[in-house]
Amino acid sequence: MAISTTRFMFFAMLICSFAAIFGNKMVSGQCSGDMQGLMEQCAKYVQKPGPMIQPSSACCSVVKNVDLACVCGHITTEVESIISMEKAAFIAQACGKPLARGTRCGSYVVHGN
């Protein structure tokens, strides 16, 4: 039971963090794209624990229509404690919409491209 509770708590924290960023009216109003879809389709690919894995086609579909550089500009330290910015950059690359070299996503600076 403890493992299930721990997983549930982690998932709840992850969703709250995504909601804080992507559900925030400031981000939604300033950054173009489907922030709710980004949260729903891509959350499992950017959580800190676990390996980098290829995103689903549903995640990539949303990623292709979101202003990722704008979203990166709204990343807080609280979000970074749960979400891997390196994985977020990997997902962008894997979906064919790489972040430009030097782009800041919270404290992470994109090195590729």
C-alpha atoms as a PDB file:
ATOM      1  CA  MET A   1       0.000   0.000   0.000  1.00  0.00           C
ATOM      2  CA  ALA A   2       2.852   2.418   0.774  1.00  0.00           C
ATOM      3  CA  ILE A   3       4.201   2.175  -2.769  1.00  0.00           C
ATOM      4  CA  SER A   4       0.806   2.935  -4.270  1.00  0.00           C
ATOM      5  CA  THR A   5       0.374   5.905  -1.951  1.00  0.00           C
ATOM      6  CA  THR A   6       3.846   7.181  -2.831  1.00  0.00           C
ATOM      7  CA  ARG A   7       3.147   6.871  -6.549  1.00  0.00           C
ATOM      8  CA  PHE A   8      -0.183   8.601  -6.151  1.00  0.00           C
ATOM      9  CA  MET A   9       1.429  11.450  -4.201  1.00  0.00           C
ATOM     10  CA  PHE A  10       4.136  11.835  -6.833  1.00  0.00           C
ATOM     11  CA  PHE A  11       1.593  11.841  -9.642  1.00  0.00           C
ATOM     12  CA  ALA A  12      -0.542  14.405  -7.805  1.00  0.00           C
ATOM     13  CA  MET A  13       2.511  16.651  -7.300  1.00  0.00           C
ATOM     14  CA  LEU A  14       3.425  16.299 -10.965  1.00  0.00           C
ATOM     15  CA  ILE A  15      -0.051  17.247 -12.124  1.00  0.00           C
ATOM     16  CA  CYS A  16      -0.170  20.193  -9.724  1.00  0.00           C
ATOM     17  CA  SER A  17       3.179  21.417 -11.027  1.00  0.00           C
ATOM     18  CA  PHE A  18       2.056  21.163 -14.614  1.00  0.00           C
ATOM     19  CA  ALA A  19      -1.192  22.885 -13.738  1.00  0.00           C
ATOM     20  CA  ALA A  20       0.755  25.656 -12.026  1.00  0.00           C
ATOM     21  CA  ILE A  21       2.724  26.282 -15.205  1.00  0.00           C
ATOM     22  CA  PHE A  22       0.438  25.384 -18.039  1.00  0.00           C
ATOM     23  CA  GLY A  23      -2.877  26.103 -16.384  1.00  0.00           C
ATOM     24  CA  ASN A  24      -1.690  29.485 -15.219  1.00  0.00           C
ATOM     25  CA  LYS A  25      -3.632  32.157 -17.097  1.00  0.00           C
ATOM     26  CA  MET A  26      -0.468  34.196 -17.451  1.00  0.00           C
ATOM     27  CA  VAL A  27       1.246  31.377 -19.365  1.00  0.00           C
ATOM     28  CA  SER A  28      -1.891  30.445 -21.272  1.00  0.00           C
ATOM     29  CA  GLY A  29      -2.392  34.069 -22.233  1.00  0.00           C
ATOM     30  CA  GLN A  30       1.221  34.650 -23.252  1.00  0.00           C
ATOM     31  CA  CYS A  31       2.232  31.313 -24.777  1.00  0.00           C
ATOM     32  CA  SER A  32       0.450  29.897 -27.786  1.00  0.00           C
ATOM     33  CA  GLY A  33      -0.728  26.307 -27.898  1.00  0.00           C
ATOM     34  CA  ASP A  34      -2.739  23.731 -26.009  1.00  0.00           C
ATOM     35  CA  MET A  35      -1.295  23.843 -22.488  1.00  0.00           C
ATOM     36  CA  GLN A  36      -3.902  21.405 -21.140  1.00  0.00           C
ATOM     37  CA  GLY A  37      -3.060  18.947 -23.917  1.00  0.00           C
ATOM     38  CA  LEU A  38       0.641  19.349 -23.203  1.00  0.00           C
ATOM     39  CA  MET A  39       0.022  18.473 -19.576  1.00  0.00           C
ATOM     40  CA  GLU A  40      -2.227  15.518 -20.364  1.00  0.00           C
ATOM     41  CA  GLN A  41      -0.189  13.985 -23.191  1.00  0.00           C
ATOM     42  CA  CYS A  42       3.413  14.655 -22.168  1.00  0.00           C
ATOM     43  CA  ALA A  43       3.606  14.640 -18.347  1.00  0.00           C
ATOM     44  CA  LYS A  44       4.846  11.071 -18.092  1.00  0.00           C
ATOM     45  CA  TYR A  45       7.771  11.762 -20.420  1.00  0.00           C
ATOM     46  CA  VAL A  46       9.240  14.636 -18.423  1.00  0.00           C
ATOM     47  CA  GLN A  47       8.994  13.446 -14.828  1.00  0.00           C
ATOM     48  CA  LYS A  48      12.374  13.228 -13.094  1.00  0.00           C
ATOM     49  CA  PRO A  49      12.517   9.538 -12.209  1.00  0.00           C
ATOM     50  CA  GLY A  50      13.162   7.050 -14.968  1.00  0.00           C
ATOM     51  CA  PRO A  51      14.906   7.017 -18.322  1.00  0.00           C
ATOM     52  CA  MET A  52      14.348   9.269 -21.303  1.00  0.00           C
ATOM     53  CA  ILE A  53      11.834   7.553 -23.546  1.00  0.00           C
ATOM     54  CA  GLN A  54      10.453   8.397 -26.944  1.00  0.00           C
ATOM     55  CA  PRO A  55       7.222  10.397 -26.641  1.00  0.00           C
ATOM     56  CA  SER A  56       3.929   9.181 -28.037  1.00  0.00           C
ATOM     57  CA  SER A  57       2.527  10.557 -31.273  1.00  0.00           C
ATOM     58  CA  ALA A  58      -0.207  12.253 -29.186  1.00  0.00           C
ATOM     59  CA  CYS A  59       2.439  14.066 -27.114  1.00  0.00           C
ATOM     60  CA  CYS A  60       4.320  15.113 -30.258  1.00  0.00           C
ATOM     61  CA  SER A  61       1.136  16.356 -31.860  1.00  0.00           C
ATOM     62  CA  VAL A  62       0.635  18.763 -28.952  1.00  0.00           C
ATOM     63  CA  VAL A  63       4.323  19.713 -28.731  1.00  0.00           C
ATOM     64  CA  LYS A  64       4.350  20.761 -32.384  1.00  0.00           C
ATOM     65  CA  ASN A  65       1.656  23.349 -31.676  1.00  0.00           C
ATOM     66  CA  VAL A  66       3.013  24.870 -28.446  1.00  0.00           C
ATOM     67  CA  ASP A  67       5.406  27.798 -28.100  1.00  0.00           C
ATOM     68  CA  LEU A  68       7.971  25.827 -26.102  1.00  0.00           C
ATOM     69  CA  ALA A  69      10.454  28.686 -25.755  1.00  0.00           C
ATOM     70  CA  CYS A  70       7.706  30.779 -24.168  1.00  0.00           C
ATOM     71  CA  VAL A  71       6.728  27.965 -21.800  1.00  0.00           C
ATOM     72  CA  CYS A  72      10.401  27.519 -20.871  1.00  0.00           C
ATOM     73  CA  GLY A  73      10.469  31.136 -19.789  1.00  0.00           C
ATOM     74  CA  HIS A  74       7.842  30.407 -17.124  1.00  0.00           C
ATOM     75  CA  ILE A  75       9.529  27.413 -15.453  1.00  0.00           C
ATOM     76  CA  THR A  76       9.970  27.827 -11.702  1.00  0.00           C
ATOM     77  CA  THR A  77      12.326  26.093  -9.288  1.00  0.00           C
ATOM     78  CA  GLU A  78       9.324  24.223  -7.837  1.00  0.00           C
ATOM     79  CA  VAL A  79       8.580  22.781 -11.256  1.00  0.00           C
ATOM     80  CA  GLU A  80      12.224  21.890 -11.796  1.00  0.00           C
ATOM     81  CA  SER A  81      12.182  19.862  -8.604  1.00  0.00           C
ATOM     82  CA  ILE A  82       9.684  17.490 -10.241  1.00  0.00           C
ATOM     83  CA  ILE A  83      10.119  17.856 -13.992  1.00  0.00           C
ATOM     84  CA  SER A  84      13.349  17.198 -15.874  1.00  0.00           C
ATOM     85  CA  MET A  85      14.136  20.082 -18.174  1.00  0.00           C
ATOM     86  CA  GLU A  86      16.671  17.874 -19.952  1.00  0.00           C
ATOM     87  CA  LYS A  87      13.859  15.425 -20.722  1.00  0.00           C
ATOM     88  CA  ALA A  88      11.644  18.308 -21.876  1.00  0.00           C
ATOM     89  CA  ALA A  89      14.355  19.370 -24.341  1.00  0.00           C
ATOM     90  CA  PHE A  90      14.718  15.723 -25.436  1.00  0.00           C
ATOM     91  CA  ILE A  91      10.965  15.491 -26.064  1.00  0.00           C
ATOM     92  CA  ALA A  92      11.025  18.678 -28.134  1.00  0.00           C
ATOM     93  CA  GLN A  93      13.899  17.256 -30.208  1.00  0.00           C
ATOM     94  CA  ALA A  94      12.242  13.835 -30.579  1.00  0.00           C
ATOM     95  CA  CYS A  95       9.028  15.497 -31.760  1.00  0.00           C
ATOM     96  CA  GLY A  96      10.833  17.444 -34.467  1.00  0.00           C
ATOM     97  CA  LYS A  97      10.588  20.815 -32.737  1.00  0.00           C
ATOM     98  CA  PRO A  98      13.974  21.206 -31.052  1.00  0.00           C
ATOM     99  CA  LEU A  99      14.652  24.117 -28.747  1.00  0.00           C
ATOM    100  CA  ALA A 100      17.380  26.397 -30.068  1.00  0.00           C
ATOM    101  CA  ARG A 101      20.832  26.002 -28.588  1.00  0.00           C
ATOM    102  CA  GLY A 102      21.189  28.366 -25.652  1.00  0.00           C
ATOM    103  CA  THR A 103      17.455  28.414 -24.836  1.00  0.00           C
ATOM    104  CA  ARG A 104      16.845  28.527 -21.073  1.00  0.00           C
ATOM    105  CA  CYS A 105      14.226  26.210 -19.625  1.00  0.00           C
ATOM    106  CA  GLY A 106      14.241  27.237 -15.998  1.00  0.00           C
ATOM    107  CA  SER A 107      17.874  26.872 -15.001  1.00  0.00           C
ATOM    108  CA  TYR A 108      18.609  24.326 -17.749  1.00  0.00           C
ATOM    109  CA  VAL A 109      20.338  25.627 -20.878  1.00  0.00           C
ATOM    110  CA  VAL A 110      19.817  23.642 -24.096  1.00  0.00           C
ATOM    111  CA  HIS A 111      23.154  22.357 -25.366  1.00  0.00           C
ATOM    112  CA  GLY A 112      22.117  20.476 -28.505  1.00  0.00           C
ATOM    113  CA  ASN A 113      21.366  21.599 -32.058  1.00  0.00           C
END
